[in-house]
Protein backbone atom coordinates (compact mmCIF):
# COMPACT_ATOMS: atom_id res chain seq x y z
CA MET A 1 29.21 8.19 24.41
CA SER A 2 26.76 9.72 26.92
CA ARG A 3 27.82 11.11 30.30
CA HIS A 4 26.21 8.17 32.14
CA THR A 5 27.83 5.66 29.82
CA ALA A 6 31.24 7.21 30.33
CA PHE A 7 30.71 7.34 34.12
CA ARG A 8 29.72 3.70 34.52
CA SER A 9 32.43 2.51 32.15
CA ALA A 10 35.08 4.34 34.18
CA ALA A 11 33.65 3.03 37.45
CA PHE A 12 33.57 -0.60 36.27
CA LEU A 13 37.03 -0.29 34.74
CA ALA A 14 38.41 0.88 38.06
CA THR A 15 36.69 -2.03 39.83
CA ALA A 16 37.99 -4.50 37.28
CA LEU A 17 41.55 -3.24 37.67
CA MET A 18 41.39 -3.61 41.47
CA THR A 19 39.76 -7.04 41.49
CA GLY A 20 41.25 -8.59 38.41
CA THR A 21 37.75 -9.28 36.98
CA PRO A 22 37.48 -9.02 33.16
CA TRP A 23 36.05 -5.56 32.44
CA ALA A 24 33.85 -6.64 29.48
CA ALA A 25 32.02 -9.15 31.69
CA GLU A 26 31.42 -6.69 34.55
CA VAL A 27 30.38 -3.58 32.67
CA ASN A 28 26.93 -5.06 31.84
CA ARG A 29 26.31 -6.82 35.16
CA VAL A 30 24.70 -5.65 38.39
CA GLN A 31 25.43 -7.72 41.51
CA LEU A 32 22.77 -7.72 44.21
CA GLU A 33 22.33 -9.37 47.57
CA ALA A 34 19.01 -10.95 48.46
CA GLY A 35 17.96 -8.01 50.62
CA GLN A 36 18.87 -5.50 47.97
CA ARG A 37 16.89 -7.43 45.40
CA GLU A 38 13.81 -7.46 47.62
CA ALA A 39 14.20 -3.76 48.43
CA ALA A 40 14.29 -2.95 44.74
CA GLY A 41 11.06 -4.88 44.13
CA ILE A 42 12.66 -6.96 41.39
CA ARG A 43 10.52 -9.64 39.80
CA VAL A 44 11.44 -11.93 36.91
CA GLU A 45 9.53 -13.89 34.28
CA THR A 46 10.57 -16.67 31.90
CA VAL A 47 11.04 -15.57 28.31
CA ARG A 48 8.79 -17.57 26.00
CA ALA A 49 8.75 -18.04 22.25
CA VAL A 50 6.04 -16.53 20.11
CA GLY A 51 4.49 -19.44 18.22
CA SER A 52 1.21 -20.89 17.04
CA ASP A 53 0.02 -21.19 20.62
CA ALA A 54 0.52 -17.49 21.27
CA PRO A 55 -2.46 -15.12 21.63
CA ASN A 56 -2.12 -14.21 17.96
CA ALA A 57 -3.55 -17.61 16.94
CA ASP A 58 -7.07 -16.16 17.15
CA LEU A 59 -8.27 -12.85 15.85
CA ALA A 60 -9.87 -11.56 19.01
CA GLY A 61 -7.09 -9.25 20.15
CA LEU A 62 -6.63 -5.99 18.28
CA LYS A 63 -9.76 -4.57 16.63
CA LEU A 64 -9.61 -1.40 14.60
CA PRO A 65 -12.31 0.71 12.92
CA GLY A 66 -11.96 1.34 9.22
CA ARG A 67 -13.67 2.27 5.97
CA VAL A 68 -13.84 0.05 2.89
CA VAL A 69 -12.27 1.74 -0.14
CA LEU A 70 -11.61 0.79 -3.74
CA PRO A 71 -8.03 0.71 -5.00
CA ASN A 72 -7.55 3.27 -7.75
CA ALA A 73 -6.30 0.58 -10.10
CA ARG A 74 -9.61 -1.31 -9.76
CA GLN A 75 -12.00 1.41 -10.90
CA ASP A 76 -12.68 3.32 -14.11
CA VAL A 77 -14.55 6.53 -14.80
CA LEU A 78 -16.27 6.75 -18.18
CA LEU A 79 -15.78 10.26 -19.58
CA ALA A 80 -17.35 12.02 -22.53
CA ASN A 81 -14.59 12.03 -25.14
CA VAL A 82 -16.66 14.25 -27.45
CA ALA A 83 -19.31 16.87 -26.85
CA GLY A 84 -22.87 15.71 -27.41
CA ARG A 85 -26.10 14.60 -25.83
CA VAL A 86 -26.82 11.45 -23.83
CA GLU A 87 -29.02 9.34 -26.09
CA SER A 88 -29.65 6.42 -23.71
CA VAL A 89 -28.45 4.96 -20.42
CA LEU A 90 -28.31 1.17 -20.63
CA LEU A 91 -27.41 0.18 -17.05
CA ASN A 92 -28.15 1.28 -13.51
CA ALA A 93 -25.94 1.79 -10.49
CA GLY A 94 -25.32 -1.55 -8.81
CA ASP A 95 -25.68 -3.61 -11.98
CA SER A 96 -23.08 -6.20 -12.86
CA VAL A 97 -21.25 -5.49 -16.09
CA ARG A 98 -19.06 -7.48 -18.47
CA ALA A 99 -15.85 -6.18 -20.00
CA GLY A 100 -16.80 -4.48 -23.26
CA GLN A 101 -20.51 -4.21 -22.39
CA PRO A 102 -22.08 -0.85 -23.42
CA VAL A 103 -23.08 1.34 -20.47
CA LEU A 104 -24.57 4.34 -22.30
CA ARG A 105 -24.75 5.99 -25.72
CA LEU A 106 -23.97 9.54 -26.84
CA HIS A 107 -25.25 11.42 -29.89
CA SER A 108 -22.50 13.73 -31.13
CA GLY A 109 -22.20 16.02 -34.14
CA GLU A 110 -18.54 16.47 -33.24
CA LEU A 111 -18.02 12.74 -33.78
CA LEU A 112 -19.42 13.09 -37.29
CA GLY A 113 -16.86 15.80 -38.00
CA LEU A 114 -14.02 13.54 -36.85
CA GLN A 115 -15.29 10.72 -39.04
CA ARG A 116 -15.52 13.00 -42.07
CA ALA A 117 -11.95 14.22 -41.53
CA TYR A 118 -10.78 10.63 -41.22
CA LEU A 119 -12.47 9.59 -44.49
CA THR A 120 -10.92 12.59 -46.26
CA ALA A 121 -7.45 11.72 -44.93
CA ARG A 122 -7.98 8.10 -45.94
CA ALA A 123 -8.92 9.04 -49.48
CA GLN A 124 -5.94 11.35 -49.79
CA ALA A 125 -3.62 8.64 -48.50
CA GLU A 126 -4.96 6.18 -51.06
CA VAL A 127 -4.46 8.68 -53.88
CA SER A 128 -0.93 9.46 -52.71
CA ALA A 129 -0.10 5.74 -52.57
CA GLN A 130 -1.32 5.35 -56.17
CA ARG A 131 0.82 8.30 -57.29
CA VAL A 132 3.88 6.81 -55.65
CA THR A 133 3.29 3.51 -57.45
CA ARG A 134 2.77 5.30 -60.78
CA ASP A 135 5.85 7.55 -60.46
CA GLU A 136 8.05 4.63 -59.43
CA SER A 137 7.03 2.87 -62.67
CA LEU A 138 7.65 6.04 -64.74
CA HIS A 139 11.03 6.55 -63.12
CA GLN A 140 12.08 3.01 -63.95
CA ASP A 141 11.11 3.66 -67.59
CA GLY A 142 13.16 6.86 -67.56
CA VAL A 143 10.14 9.09 -68.14
CA ILE A 144 10.52 11.24 -64.97
CA ALA A 145 13.52 12.40 -62.99
CA ALA A 146 14.47 11.10 -59.55
CA ALA A 147 13.59 14.45 -58.01
CA ARG A 148 9.98 14.08 -59.16
CA LEU A 149 9.78 10.61 -57.60
CA GLU A 150 11.19 11.84 -54.29
CA ALA A 151 8.64 14.66 -54.17
CA THR A 152 5.82 12.21 -54.78
CA ARG A 153 7.11 9.93 -52.03
CA ALA A 154 7.31 12.87 -49.62
CA ASP A 155 3.66 13.72 -50.38
CA GLY A 156 2.79 10.06 -49.67
CA VAL A 157 4.52 10.15 -46.28
CA GLN A 158 2.62 13.30 -45.32
CA ALA A 159 -0.67 11.75 -46.40
CA GLN A 160 -0.02 8.65 -44.28
CA ALA A 161 0.90 10.81 -41.29
CA ALA A 162 -2.33 12.78 -41.67
CA LEU A 163 -4.30 9.53 -41.82
CA ARG A 164 -2.66 8.22 -38.63
CA GLU A 165 -3.39 11.54 -36.93
CA GLN A 166 -7.09 11.35 -37.81
CA ARG A 167 -7.22 7.75 -36.65
CA GLN A 168 -5.78 8.75 -33.28
CA LEU A 169 -8.35 11.55 -32.99
CA LEU A 170 -11.13 9.02 -33.53
CA ARG A 171 -9.63 6.83 -30.80
CA LEU A 172 -9.53 9.83 -28.49
CA GLY A 173 -13.14 10.46 -29.44
CA GLY A 174 -14.06 7.03 -28.11
CA MET A 175 -14.19 4.85 -31.23
CA GLY A 176 -12.50 1.45 -31.10
CA ASP A 177 -10.19 0.06 -33.76
CA ALA A 178 -12.85 -2.31 -35.12
CA ALA A 179 -15.31 0.56 -35.62
CA ILE A 180 -12.63 2.70 -37.27
CA ASP A 181 -11.64 -0.11 -39.63
CA ALA A 182 -15.28 -0.46 -40.66
CA LEU A 183 -15.43 3.24 -41.53
CA LYS A 184 -14.64 3.04 -45.27
CA ALA A 185 -17.37 5.17 -46.85
CA PRO A 186 -19.61 8.13 -45.89
CA GLU A 187 -22.53 5.75 -45.53
CA ALA A 188 -20.77 4.16 -42.53
CA MET A 189 -20.62 7.44 -40.61
CA SER A 190 -22.72 7.57 -37.43
CA PRO A 191 -23.19 10.24 -34.73
CA VAL A 192 -23.89 7.59 -32.09
CA LEU A 193 -21.04 6.58 -29.78
CA SER A 194 -21.33 3.62 -27.38
CA LEU A 195 -19.29 3.88 -24.20
CA SER A 196 -18.43 0.46 -22.79
CA ALA A 197 -16.98 -0.89 -19.56
CA ARG A 198 -13.27 -1.67 -19.80
CA ARG A 199 -13.44 -4.29 -17.06
CA ALA A 200 -15.92 -6.71 -15.57
CA GLY A 201 -17.40 -5.62 -12.25
CA ARG A 202 -20.16 -3.41 -10.91
CA VAL A 203 -21.55 -0.08 -11.99
CA LEU A 204 -20.86 2.19 -9.03
CA SER A 205 -22.66 5.25 -10.32
CA ILE A 206 -24.48 6.70 -13.32
CA ASP A 207 -23.83 10.44 -13.29
CA VAL A 208 -26.05 11.57 -16.20
CA ARG A 209 -29.55 11.01 -17.53
CA ALA A 210 -30.87 10.52 -21.04
CA GLY A 211 -31.15 13.87 -22.75
CA ASP A 212 -28.36 15.59 -20.79
CA ARG A 213 -25.96 17.77 -22.78
CA VAL A 214 -22.32 16.93 -22.00
CA GLU A 215 -18.99 18.47 -22.89
CA ILE A 216 -15.62 16.81 -23.38
CA GLY A 217 -14.36 15.43 -20.06
CA THR A 218 -17.76 15.19 -18.36
CA PRO A 219 -17.91 12.14 -16.01
CA LEU A 220 -20.69 9.86 -17.18
CA ALA A 221 -20.43 6.70 -15.07
CA SER A 222 -18.01 4.76 -12.90
CA VAL A 223 -17.33 1.03 -13.01
CA ALA A 224 -15.20 -0.98 -10.61
CA SER A 225 -14.03 -4.50 -10.06
CA LEU A 226 -14.81 -5.66 -6.52
CA ASP A 227 -12.42 -8.61 -6.55
CA GLU A 228 -9.98 -6.56 -4.47
CA LEU A 229 -10.99 -4.18 -1.68
CA TRP A 230 -8.97 -2.21 0.84
CA VAL A 231 -9.88 -1.11 4.35
CA ASP A 232 -8.30 2.08 5.65
CA LEU A 233 -7.83 1.45 9.36
CA GLN A 234 -7.59 4.06 12.11
CA ALA A 235 -5.22 3.25 14.96
CA THR A 236 -4.02 5.13 18.01
CA ARG A 237 -0.30 5.55 18.54
CA GLU A 238 -0.31 2.65 21.00
CA GLN A 239 -2.29 0.43 18.62
CA SER A 240 -0.03 1.27 15.69
CA ARG A 241 2.90 -0.22 17.61
CA GLN A 242 1.08 -3.55 17.46
CA LEU A 243 0.69 -3.44 13.67
CA ALA A 244 3.09 -4.75 11.06
CA VAL A 245 2.92 -5.27 7.32
CA GLY A 246 1.92 -8.88 6.69
CA ASP A 247 -0.44 -9.19 9.66
CA VAL A 248 -3.69 -11.10 9.18
CA ALA A 249 -6.95 -9.12 8.98
CA GLN A 250 -10.50 -10.45 9.40
CA LEU A 251 -13.74 -8.73 8.38
CA PRO A 252 -16.79 -9.31 10.59
CA GLY A 253 -19.10 -12.02 9.29
CA CYS A 254 -16.88 -12.72 6.30
CA ASP A 255 -15.05 -15.94 5.45
CA VAL A 256 -12.28 -14.02 3.64
CA ARG A 257 -9.10 -13.07 5.45
CA GLY A 258 -6.93 -10.21 4.32
CA ILE A 259 -3.45 -8.90 4.96
CA VAL A 260 -2.07 -5.61 6.25
CA ILE A 261 -0.23 -3.97 3.34
CA ALA A 262 0.69 -0.63 4.91
CA ALA A 263 1.18 0.65 8.43
CA GLY A 264 1.06 4.42 8.87
CA VAL A 265 3.81 6.35 10.60
CA GLN A 266 2.33 9.85 10.60
CA LEU A 267 -0.28 10.95 13.12
CA ASP A 268 -3.26 13.03 12.11
CA PRO A 269 -2.91 16.35 13.97
CA THR A 270 -6.62 16.48 14.83
CA SER A 271 -7.54 12.90 15.73
CA GLN A 272 -4.04 11.82 16.81
CA THR A 273 -4.52 8.57 14.94
CA THR A 274 -2.54 6.98 12.16
CA THR A 275 -3.87 5.17 9.09
CA ALA A 276 -3.05 1.57 8.19
CA ARG A 277 -4.37 -0.40 5.26
CA ALA A 278 -5.54 -4.00 4.83
CA ARG A 279 -6.17 -5.72 1.50
CA PHE A 280 -8.93 -8.28 0.94
CA LEU A 281 -9.37 -10.44 -2.16
CA GLY A 282 -12.82 -11.74 -3.00
CA ALA A 283 -14.64 -9.89 -0.23
CA GLY A 284 -17.09 -8.05 -2.48
CA HIS A 285 -19.96 -10.28 -1.29
CA CYS A 286 -19.32 -9.31 2.34
CA VAL A 287 -18.81 -5.55 2.30
CA ALA A 288 -19.35 -2.59 0.00
CA PRO A 289 -17.18 0.44 -0.79
CA ASN A 290 -17.46 3.23 1.82
CA GLN A 291 -18.87 0.81 4.42
CA TYR A 292 -17.56 1.33 7.96
CA VAL A 293 -16.35 -1.88 9.59
CA GLN A 294 -14.44 -3.24 12.56
CA VAL A 295 -11.43 -5.33 11.50
CA ALA A 296 -9.72 -7.86 13.77
CA ILE A 297 -5.93 -7.93 13.40
CA ALA A 298 -3.58 -10.76 14.29
CA ALA A 299 0.15 -11.19 13.88
CA ALA A 300 1.27 -13.13 10.85
CA LYS A 301 2.57 -16.67 11.23
CA SER A 302 6.01 -15.28 10.38
CA ALA A 303 6.05 -13.98 13.96
CA ALA A 304 6.93 -17.52 15.02
CA GLY A 305 10.55 -17.58 16.12
CA LEU A 306 10.34 -14.34 18.06
CA VAL A 307 10.38 -14.20 21.84
CA ALA A 308 7.95 -12.24 23.97
CA VAL A 309 8.68 -10.22 27.09
CA PRO A 310 6.51 -7.77 29.02
CA ALA A 311 6.91 -4.28 27.63
CA THR A 312 7.82 -3.16 31.15
CA SER A 313 11.02 -5.19 30.84
CA LEU A 314 12.52 -2.86 28.26
CA LEU A 315 14.93 -0.08 29.10
CA HIS A 316 16.51 2.42 26.74
CA TYR A 317 20.03 3.81 26.72
CA ASP A 318 22.24 5.42 24.10
CA GLY A 319 19.54 4.88 21.45
CA LYS A 320 19.36 1.14 22.18
CA ASP A 321 16.80 -1.22 23.69
CA ALA A 322 17.85 -3.73 26.34
CA VAL A 323 16.57 -6.04 29.08
CA PHE A 324 18.06 -7.32 32.33
CA ILE A 325 18.45 -11.11 32.51
CA GLU A 326 18.86 -12.98 35.80
CA ASP A 327 22.36 -14.46 35.92
CA GLY A 328 22.83 -16.28 39.23
CA ALA A 329 22.88 -13.67 41.95
CA ALA A 330 23.51 -10.93 39.39
CA PHE A 331 21.59 -9.34 36.54
CA ARG A 332 23.11 -9.02 33.10
CA LEU A 333 22.16 -6.30 30.63
CA VAL A 334 21.42 -7.69 27.14
CA ASP A 335 20.83 -5.52 24.07
CA VAL A 336 17.71 -6.53 22.12
CA LYS A 337 15.92 -5.58 18.92
CA VAL A 338 12.18 -4.93 19.24
CA ASP A 339 10.33 -6.36 16.27
CA ARG A 340 6.94 -5.04 17.36
CA TYR A 341 4.62 -4.48 20.30
CA GLN A 342 1.66 -6.80 20.79
CA GLY A 343 -0.69 -5.62 23.52
CA LYS A 344 1.37 -5.29 26.70
CA GLN A 345 4.19 -7.37 25.28
CA ALA A 346 7.27 -6.61 23.25
CA TRP A 347 8.31 -9.17 20.64
CA LEU A 348 12.06 -9.46 20.21
CA ARG A 349 14.33 -10.86 17.54
CA SER A 350 17.23 -11.42 19.92
CA GLU A 351 18.58 -14.97 19.92
CA GLY A 352 19.44 -16.95 23.03
CA LEU A 353 16.80 -15.38 25.27
CA GLN A 354 14.20 -18.15 25.19
CA GLY A 355 13.94 -19.74 28.63
CA ALA A 356 15.94 -16.97 30.32
CA LYS A 357 14.59 -15.06 33.33
CA VAL A 358 13.91 -11.46 32.35
CA VAL A 359 13.34 -8.68 34.90
CA THR A 360 9.78 -7.36 34.65
CA THR A 361 9.59 -4.98 37.65
CA GLY A 362 12.36 -3.04 39.28
CA VAL A 363 13.97 -2.30 35.92
CA ALA A 364 14.40 1.40 36.67
CA ALA A 365 16.17 0.60 39.93
CA LEU A 366 18.55 -1.80 38.20
CA LYS A 367 19.23 0.72 35.46
CA GLY A 368 20.04 3.36 38.05
CA ARG A 369 22.41 1.00 39.88
CA TRP A 370 23.99 0.01 36.55
CA GLN A 371 24.59 3.69 35.79
CA GLY A 372 26.19 4.15 39.19
CA LEU A 373 23.38 6.19 40.73
CA GLY A 374 23.17 4.18 43.97
CA VAL A 375 20.50 5.30 46.40
CA SER A 376 19.11 7.81 43.90
CA ALA A 377 18.14 4.85 41.75
CA GLY A 378 15.64 3.83 44.40
CA ILE A 379 17.51 0.80 45.88
CA LYS A 380 18.03 1.26 49.59
CA GLY A 381 21.38 0.22 50.97
CA MET A 382 22.99 -0.25 47.60
CA ASP A 383 25.29 2.72 47.69
């Protein structure tokens, strides 16, 4: 308990004991005469509900600058899985692409080496499988011992493991399962590797040209789906208090509305702004990645049911938020929970406040009187 809390509690307890008034009712009330109220400059306003008729119904209030970005999960980078030379580039930046459509082709001697090793492992696995079948038959006829059969089976397991290893290396080299399955003889070997888009979307960039020599891991092209875009928003500390996850976001000149999916809490030390993020589905025809935009933000419909008071009505004590409510000739202190700030208003989740008269000016004076500060609280004649 703070020093002020302890002081006012003791003062009200003493008053309650002398007057017979219940202490719990008095400790959060400040009684004022008409002259004292006027001297303190106290004004009140009716608490209203936040609903569909509130200013959040349109998207003209909070506007924030931002940059359009692609979610990481919506973009792919095509890498060179083997060393080689770019044989041909089949698409250009900005082109639409289907899932599985070739984007470029590589010519790679390394790929030939992987294919040769795979065919060798495949042949050895086939021979080992035949030996296992033969030795099992011989063992059943009593021609060979069990130890001989077990050794043959062990060789077969190793041969199959080697084949699976070579198959995985071909996959890592960029060959698909269908192409690997078709590789059954040396005549099917090819040094040409087609690199295809894994998703439908747009080609964002082509990073090589025909004839370029590339090593393993070299970025070749990037492809992205534009069905989902994000906007990283920059907000001042005051603006960030008006943001909440689930708020509605509107891009300029676009018929697609988005939703705020993250509200930053950390300020950038240089710009003193925080970053929020809005998600838009199907907005690829309106904006492009890296485009700078102004986004209008409005509270979500879930804000209905809250009540709004001027932000000047709030006071803070002992880590709590509270407001003074007019109660006849007195003012009663009511603890509240601030859901968010919207412009110059605070939206509260406290029940029972709708229709009440909340103090909007003179709050500091009432707080001082409530804490037992008297004249020092700025209310003449109240000590």
